[in-house]
Amino acid sequence: MQLSNLSWALIAPLLVIQLILIIVALIDLSKAEQTNGPKWMWVLIILFINILGPILYFILGKKQT
């Protein structure tokens, strides 16, 4: 197995997980009535802070009712 094939074998699952997290977080954000902070800020955090952005939204951004 070549090094480039091995690299993709390790990176591809992380990219898929990241994409799923982003999609789920954005869908949840669009349905949320209230968040801790403005929604536009959470969109930027989710999109631009790789894997941690969506996780931060689920931990800190969702307003508990």
PDB file of N, CA and C in Angstrom:
ATOM      1  N   MET A   1       0.842  -1.181   0.000  1.00  0.00           N
ATOM      2  CA  MET A   1       0.000   0.000   0.000  1.00  0.00           C
ATOM      3  C   MET A   1       0.886   1.242   0.000  1.00  0.00           C
ATOM      4  N   GLN A   2       0.570   2.173  -0.848  1.00  0.00           N
ATOM      5  CA  GLN A   2       1.366   3.391  -0.924  1.00  0.00           C
ATOM      6  C   GLN A   2       0.985   4.345   0.199  1.00  0.00           C
ATOM      7  N   LEU A   3       1.886   5.261   0.477  1.00  0.00           N
ATOM      8  CA  LEU A   3       1.647   6.233   1.540  1.00  0.00           C
ATOM      9  C   LEU A   3       0.452   7.119   1.232  1.00  0.00           C
ATOM     10  N   SER A   4       0.265   7.513  -0.030  1.00  0.00           N
ATOM     11  CA  SER A   4      -0.856   8.385  -0.369  1.00  0.00           C
ATOM     12  C   SER A   4      -2.192   7.673  -0.176  1.00  0.00           C
ATOM     13  N   ASN A   5      -2.251   6.390  -0.497  1.00  0.00           N
ATOM     14  CA  ASN A   5      -3.482   5.633  -0.277  1.00  0.00           C
ATOM     15  C   ASN A   5      -3.771   5.473   1.206  1.00  0.00           C
ATOM     16  N   LEU A   6      -2.736   5.268   1.986  1.00  0.00           N
ATOM     17  CA  LEU A   6      -2.902   5.135   3.430  1.00  0.00           C
ATOM     18  C   LEU A   6      -3.399   6.441   4.037  1.00  0.00           C
ATOM     19  N   SER A   7      -2.867   7.545   3.562  1.00  0.00           N
ATOM     20  CA  SER A   7      -3.294   8.845   4.073  1.00  0.00           C
ATOM     21  C   SER A   7      -4.786   9.067   3.821  1.00  0.00           C
ATOM     22  N   TRP A   8      -5.247   8.776   2.614  1.00  0.00           N
ATOM     23  CA  TRP A   8      -6.663   8.953   2.317  1.00  0.00           C
ATOM     24  C   TRP A   8      -7.524   7.996   3.128  1.00  0.00           C
ATOM     25  N   ALA A   9      -7.014   6.812   3.396  1.00  0.00           N
ATOM     26  CA  ALA A   9      -7.776   5.852   4.193  1.00  0.00           C
ATOM     27  C   ALA A   9      -7.992   6.364   5.612  1.00  0.00           C
ATOM     28  N   LEU A  10      -7.072   7.185   6.114  1.00  0.00           N
ATOM     29  CA  LEU A  10      -7.214   7.743   7.448  1.00  0.00           C
ATOM     30  C   LEU A  10      -7.994   9.060   7.450  1.00  0.00           C
ATOM     31  N   ILE A  11      -7.834   9.849   6.403  1.00  0.00           N
ATOM     32  CA  ILE A  11      -8.445  11.178   6.362  1.00  0.00           C
ATOM     33  C   ILE A  11      -9.913  11.132   5.927  1.00  0.00           C
ATOM     34  N   ALA A  12     -10.253  10.260   5.006  1.00  0.00           N
ATOM     35  CA  ALA A  12     -11.610  10.212   4.463  1.00  0.00           C
ATOM     36  C   ALA A  12     -12.686  10.035   5.538  1.00  0.00           C
ATOM     37  N   PRO A  13     -12.535   9.103   6.487  1.00  0.00           N
ATOM     38  CA  PRO A  13     -13.575   8.979   7.521  1.00  0.00           C
ATOM     39  C   PRO A  13     -13.720  10.240   8.374  1.00  0.00           C
ATOM     40  N   LEU A  14     -12.614  10.924   8.647  1.00  0.00           N
ATOM     41  CA  LEU A  14     -12.694  12.169   9.417  1.00  0.00           C
ATOM     42  C   LEU A  14     -13.431  13.250   8.643  1.00  0.00           C
ATOM     43  N   LEU A  15     -13.208  13.322   7.346  1.00  0.00           N
ATOM     44  CA  LEU A  15     -13.917  14.299   6.528  1.00  0.00           C
ATOM     45  C   LEU A  15     -15.421  14.010   6.498  1.00  0.00           C
ATOM     46  N   VAL A  16     -15.779  12.744   6.414  1.00  0.00           N
ATOM     47  CA  VAL A  16     -17.192  12.364   6.408  1.00  0.00           C
ATOM     48  C   VAL A  16     -17.845  12.716   7.754  1.00  0.00           C
ATOM     49  N   ILE A  17     -17.158  12.415   8.850  1.00  0.00           N
ATOM     50  CA  ILE A  17     -17.683  12.741  10.181  1.00  0.00           C
ATOM     51  C   ILE A  17     -17.845  14.248  10.329  1.00  0.00           C
ATOM     52  N   GLN A  18     -16.863  15.004   9.867  1.00  0.00           N
ATOM     53  CA  GLN A  18     -16.935  16.458   9.951  1.00  0.00           C
ATOM     54  C   GLN A  18     -18.115  16.988   9.142  1.00  0.00           C
ATOM     55  N   LEU A  19     -18.310  16.493   7.938  1.00  0.00           N
ATOM     56  CA  LEU A  19     -19.419  16.935   7.094  1.00  0.00           C
ATOM     57  C   LEU A  19     -20.764  16.614   7.745  1.00  0.00           C
ATOM     58  N   ILE A  20     -20.891  15.426   8.309  1.00  0.00           N
ATOM     59  CA  ILE A  20     -22.144  15.047   8.978  1.00  0.00           C
ATOM     60  C   ILE A  20     -22.399  15.949  10.180  1.00  0.00           C
ATOM     61  N   LEU A  21     -21.366  16.212  10.984  1.00  0.00           N
ATOM     62  CA  LEU A  21     -21.524  17.110  12.136  1.00  0.00           C
ATOM     63  C   LEU A  21     -21.975  18.497  11.707  1.00  0.00           C
ATOM     64  N   ILE A  22     -21.379  19.031  10.648  1.00  0.00           N
ATOM     65  CA  ILE A  22     -21.745  20.362  10.167  1.00  0.00           C
ATOM     66  C   ILE A  22     -23.199  20.390   9.711  1.00  0.00           C
ATOM     67  N   ILE A  23     -23.605  19.404   8.940  1.00  0.00           N
ATOM     68  CA  ILE A  23     -24.983  19.366   8.425  1.00  0.00           C
ATOM     69  C   ILE A  23     -25.983  19.251   9.560  1.00  0.00           C
ATOM     70  N   VAL A  24     -25.732  18.352  10.502  1.00  0.00           N
ATOM     71  CA  VAL A  24     -26.662  18.162  11.629  1.00  0.00           C
ATOM     72  C   VAL A  24     -26.737  19.423  12.486  1.00  0.00           C
ATOM     73  N   ALA A  25     -25.582  20.056  12.742  1.00  0.00           N
ATOM     74  CA  ALA A  25     -25.570  21.274  13.557  1.00  0.00           C
ATOM     75  C   ALA A  25     -26.311  22.410  12.864  1.00  0.00           C
ATOM     76  N   LEU A  26     -26.125  22.575  11.551  1.00  0.00           N
ATOM     77  CA  LEU A  26     -26.818  23.641  10.829  1.00  0.00           C
ATOM     78  C   LEU A  26     -28.324  23.407  10.774  1.00  0.00           C
ATOM     79  N   ILE A  27     -28.732  22.161  10.598  1.00  0.00           N
ATOM     80  CA  ILE A  27     -30.169  21.843  10.606  1.00  0.00           C
ATOM     81  C   ILE A  27     -30.757  22.128  11.979  1.00  0.00           C
ATOM     82  N   ASP A  28     -30.063  21.696  13.032  1.00  0.00           N
ATOM     83  CA  ASP A  28     -30.548  21.943  14.390  1.00  0.00           C
ATOM     84  C   ASP A  28     -30.608  23.441  14.681  1.00  0.00           C
ATOM     85  N   LEU A  29     -29.602  24.173  14.234  1.00  0.00           N
ATOM     86  CA  LEU A  29     -29.573  25.622  14.448  1.00  0.00           C
ATOM     87  C   LEU A  29     -30.732  26.300  13.734  1.00  0.00           C
ATOM     88  N   SER A  30     -31.058  25.850  12.537  1.00  0.00           N
ATOM     89  CA  SER A  30     -32.157  26.476  11.793  1.00  0.00           C
ATOM     90  C   SER A  30     -33.509  26.232  12.467  1.00  0.00           C
ATOM     91  N   LYS A  31     -33.633  25.125  13.190  1.00  0.00           N
ATOM     92  CA  LYS A  31     -34.885  24.804  13.872  1.00  0.00           C
ATOM     93  C   LYS A  31     -34.974  25.392  15.274  1.00  0.00           C
ATOM     94  N   ALA A  32     -33.845  25.811  15.835  1.00  0.00           N
ATOM     95  CA  ALA A  32     -33.822  26.319  17.209  1.00  0.00           C
ATOM     96  C   ALA A  32     -34.479  27.696  17.270  1.00  0.00           C
ATOM     97  N   GLU A  33     -35.355  27.874  18.257  1.00  0.00           N
ATOM     98  CA  GLU A  33     -36.001  29.168  18.432  1.00  0.00           C
ATOM     99  C   GLU A  33     -35.058  30.155  19.114  1.00  0.00           C
ATOM    100  N   GLN A  34     -34.291  29.678  20.097  1.00  0.00           N
ATOM    101  CA  GLN A  34     -33.371  30.543  20.821  1.00  0.00           C
ATOM    102  C   GLN A  34     -32.030  29.842  20.960  1.00  0.00           C
ATOM    103  N   THR A  35     -30.967  30.648  20.898  1.00  0.00           N
ATOM    104  CA  THR A  35     -29.623  30.119  21.101  1.00  0.00           C
ATOM    105  C   THR A  35     -28.878  31.050  22.056  1.00  0.00           C
ATOM    106  N   ASN A  36     -27.781  30.567  22.591  1.00  0.00           N
ATOM    107  CA  ASN A  36     -26.911  31.410  23.410  1.00  0.00           C
ATOM    108  C   ASN A  36     -26.039  32.222  22.466  1.00  0.00           C
ATOM    109  N   GLY A  37     -26.463  33.403  22.135  1.00  0.00           N
ATOM    110  CA  GLY A  37     -25.776  34.244  21.161  1.00  0.00           C
ATOM    111  C   GLY A  37     -26.548  34.270  19.859  1.00  0.00           C
ATOM    112  N   PRO A  38     -26.153  35.175  18.970  1.00  0.00           N
ATOM    113  CA  PRO A  38     -26.871  35.287  17.688  1.00  0.00           C
ATOM    114  C   PRO A  38     -26.628  34.081  16.790  1.00  0.00           C
ATOM    115  N   LYS A  39     -27.642  33.751  15.994  1.00  0.00           N
ATOM    116  CA  LYS A  39     -27.536  32.588  15.108  1.00  0.00           C
ATOM    117  C   LYS A  39     -26.431  32.764  14.073  1.00  0.00           C
ATOM    118  N   TRP A  40     -26.254  33.984  13.558  1.00  0.00           N
ATOM    119  CA  TRP A  40     -25.221  34.194  12.529  1.00  0.00           C
ATOM    120  C   TRP A  40     -23.837  33.855  13.078  1.00  0.00           C
ATOM    121  N   MET A  41     -23.631  34.131  14.377  1.00  0.00           N
ATOM    122  CA  MET A  41     -22.342  33.816  14.990  1.00  0.00           C
ATOM    123  C   MET A  41     -22.135  32.296  15.027  1.00  0.00           C
ATOM    124  N   TRP A  42     -23.186  31.563  15.362  1.00  0.00           N
ATOM    125  CA  TRP A  42     -23.069  30.108  15.425  1.00  0.00           C
ATOM    126  C   TRP A  42     -22.860  29.502  14.053  1.00  0.00           C
ATOM    127  N   VAL A  43     -23.463  30.096  13.012  1.00  0.00           N
ATOM    128  CA  VAL A  43     -23.220  29.604  11.650  1.00  0.00           C
ATOM    129  C   VAL A  43     -21.734  29.719  11.316  1.00  0.00           C
ATOM    130  N   LEU A  44     -21.137  30.877  11.635  1.00  0.00           N
ATOM    131  CA  LEU A  44     -19.710  31.071  11.360  1.00  0.00           C
ATOM    132  C   LEU A  44     -18.847  30.090  12.159  1.00  0.00           C
ATOM    133  N   ILE A  45     -19.186  29.887  13.425  1.00  0.00           N
ATOM    134  CA  ILE A  45     -18.420  28.955  14.261  1.00  0.00           C
ATOM    135  C   ILE A  45     -18.530  27.535  13.721  1.00  0.00           C
ATOM    136  N   ILE A  46     -19.738  27.118  13.365  1.00  0.00           N
ATOM    137  CA  ILE A  46     -19.954  25.763  12.847  1.00  0.00           C
ATOM    138  C   ILE A  46     -19.180  25.553  11.548  1.00  0.00           C
ATOM    139  N   LEU A  47     -19.196  26.539  10.672  1.00  0.00           N
ATOM    140  CA  LEU A  47     -18.577  26.364   9.362  1.00  0.00           C
ATOM    141  C   LEU A  47     -17.060  26.502   9.374  1.00  0.00           C
ATOM    142  N   PHE A  48     -16.524  27.389  10.221  1.00  0.00           N
ATOM    143  CA  PHE A  48     -15.111  27.711  10.099  1.00  0.00           C
ATOM    144  C   PHE A  48     -14.210  27.128  11.187  1.00  0.00           C
ATOM    145  N   ILE A  49     -14.771  26.588  12.249  1.00  0.00           N
ATOM    146  CA  ILE A  49     -13.936  25.947  13.270  1.00  0.00           C
ATOM    147  C   ILE A  49     -14.144  24.439  13.131  1.00  0.00           C
ATOM    148  N   ASN A  50     -13.464  23.881  12.188  1.00  0.00           N
ATOM    149  CA  ASN A  50     -13.557  22.494  11.756  1.00  0.00           C
ATOM    150  C   ASN A  50     -14.414  21.586  12.635  1.00  0.00           C
ATOM    151  N   ILE A  51     -13.886  20.545  13.176  1.00  0.00           N
ATOM    152  CA  ILE A  51     -14.691  19.573  13.925  1.00  0.00           C
ATOM    153  C   ILE A  51     -15.204  20.170  15.237  1.00  0.00           C
ATOM    154  N   LEU A  52     -14.462  21.068  15.845  1.00  0.00           N
ATOM    155  CA  LEU A  52     -14.871  21.629  17.132  1.00  0.00           C
ATOM    156  C   LEU A  52     -16.058  22.574  17.045  1.00  0.00           C
ATOM    157  N   GLY A  53     -16.265  23.233  15.907  1.00  0.00           N
ATOM    158  CA  GLY A  53     -17.367  24.183  15.760  1.00  0.00           C
ATOM    159  C   GLY A  53     -18.736  23.569  16.044  1.00  0.00           C
ATOM    160  N   PRO A  54     -19.093  22.486  15.347  1.00  0.00           N
ATOM    161  CA  PRO A  54     -20.383  21.859  15.638  1.00  0.00           C
ATOM    162  C   PRO A  54     -20.483  21.325  17.067  1.00  0.00           C
ATOM    163  N   ILE A  55     -19.387  20.798  17.584  1.00  0.00           N
ATOM    164  CA  ILE A  55     -19.399  20.277  18.955  1.00  0.00           C
ATOM    165  C   ILE A  55     -19.626  21.416  19.943  1.00  0.00           C
ATOM    166  N   LEU A  56     -18.956  22.547  19.723  1.00  0.00           N
ATOM    167  CA  LEU A  56     -19.170  23.721  20.581  1.00  0.00           C
ATOM    168  C   LEU A  56     -20.615  24.185  20.528  1.00  0.00           C
ATOM    169  N   TYR A  57     -21.212  24.157  19.336  1.00  0.00           N
ATOM    170  CA  TYR A  57     -22.619  24.557  19.225  1.00  0.00           C
ATOM    171  C   TYR A  57     -23.507  23.653  20.078  1.00  0.00           C
ATOM    172  N   PHE A  58     -23.304  22.337  19.988  1.00  0.00           N
ATOM    173  CA  PHE A  58     -24.168  21.423  20.746  1.00  0.00           C
ATOM    174  C   PHE A  58     -23.942  21.545  22.251  1.00  0.00           C
ATOM    175  N   ILE A  59     -22.735  21.902  22.667  1.00  0.00           N
ATOM    176  CA  ILE A  59     -22.449  22.015  24.103  1.00  0.00           C
ATOM    177  C   ILE A  59     -22.843  23.395  24.637  1.00  0.00           C
ATOM    178  N   LEU A  60     -22.462  24.457  23.931  1.00  0.00           N
ATOM    179  CA  LEU A  60     -22.640  25.820  24.453  1.00  0.00           C
ATOM    180  C   LEU A  60     -23.740  26.624  23.771  1.00  0.00           C
ATOM    181  N   GLY A  61     -24.042  26.331  22.527  1.00  0.00           N
ATOM    182  CA  GLY A  61     -24.929  27.189  21.762  1.00  0.00           C
ATOM    183  C   GLY A  61     -26.407  26.951  21.970  1.00  0.00           C
ATOM    184  N   LYS A  62     -26.766  25.718  22.236  1.00  0.00           N
ATOM    185  CA  LYS A  62     -28.189  25.415  22.404  1.00  0.00           C
ATOM    186  C   LYS A  62     -28.671  25.950  23.738  1.00  0.00           C
ATOM    187  N   LYS A  63     -29.764  26.668  23.698  1.00  0.00           N
ATOM    188  CA  LYS A  63     -30.345  27.212  24.928  1.00  0.00           C
ATOM    189  C   LYS A  63     -31.224  26.128  25.548  1.00  0.00           C
ATOM    190  N   GLN A  64     -30.948  25.837  26.790  1.00  0.00           N
ATOM    191  CA  GLN A  64     -31.725  24.820  27.508  1.00  0.00           C
ATOM    192  C   GLN A  64     -33.073  25.397  27.921  1.00  0.00           C
ATOM    193  N   THR A  65     -34.138  24.656  27.639  1.00  0.00           N
ATOM    194  CA  THR A  65     -35.484  25.138  28.005  1.00  0.00           C
ATOM    195  C   THR A  65     -36.062  24.351  29.142  1.00  0.00           C
TER     196      THR A  65
END
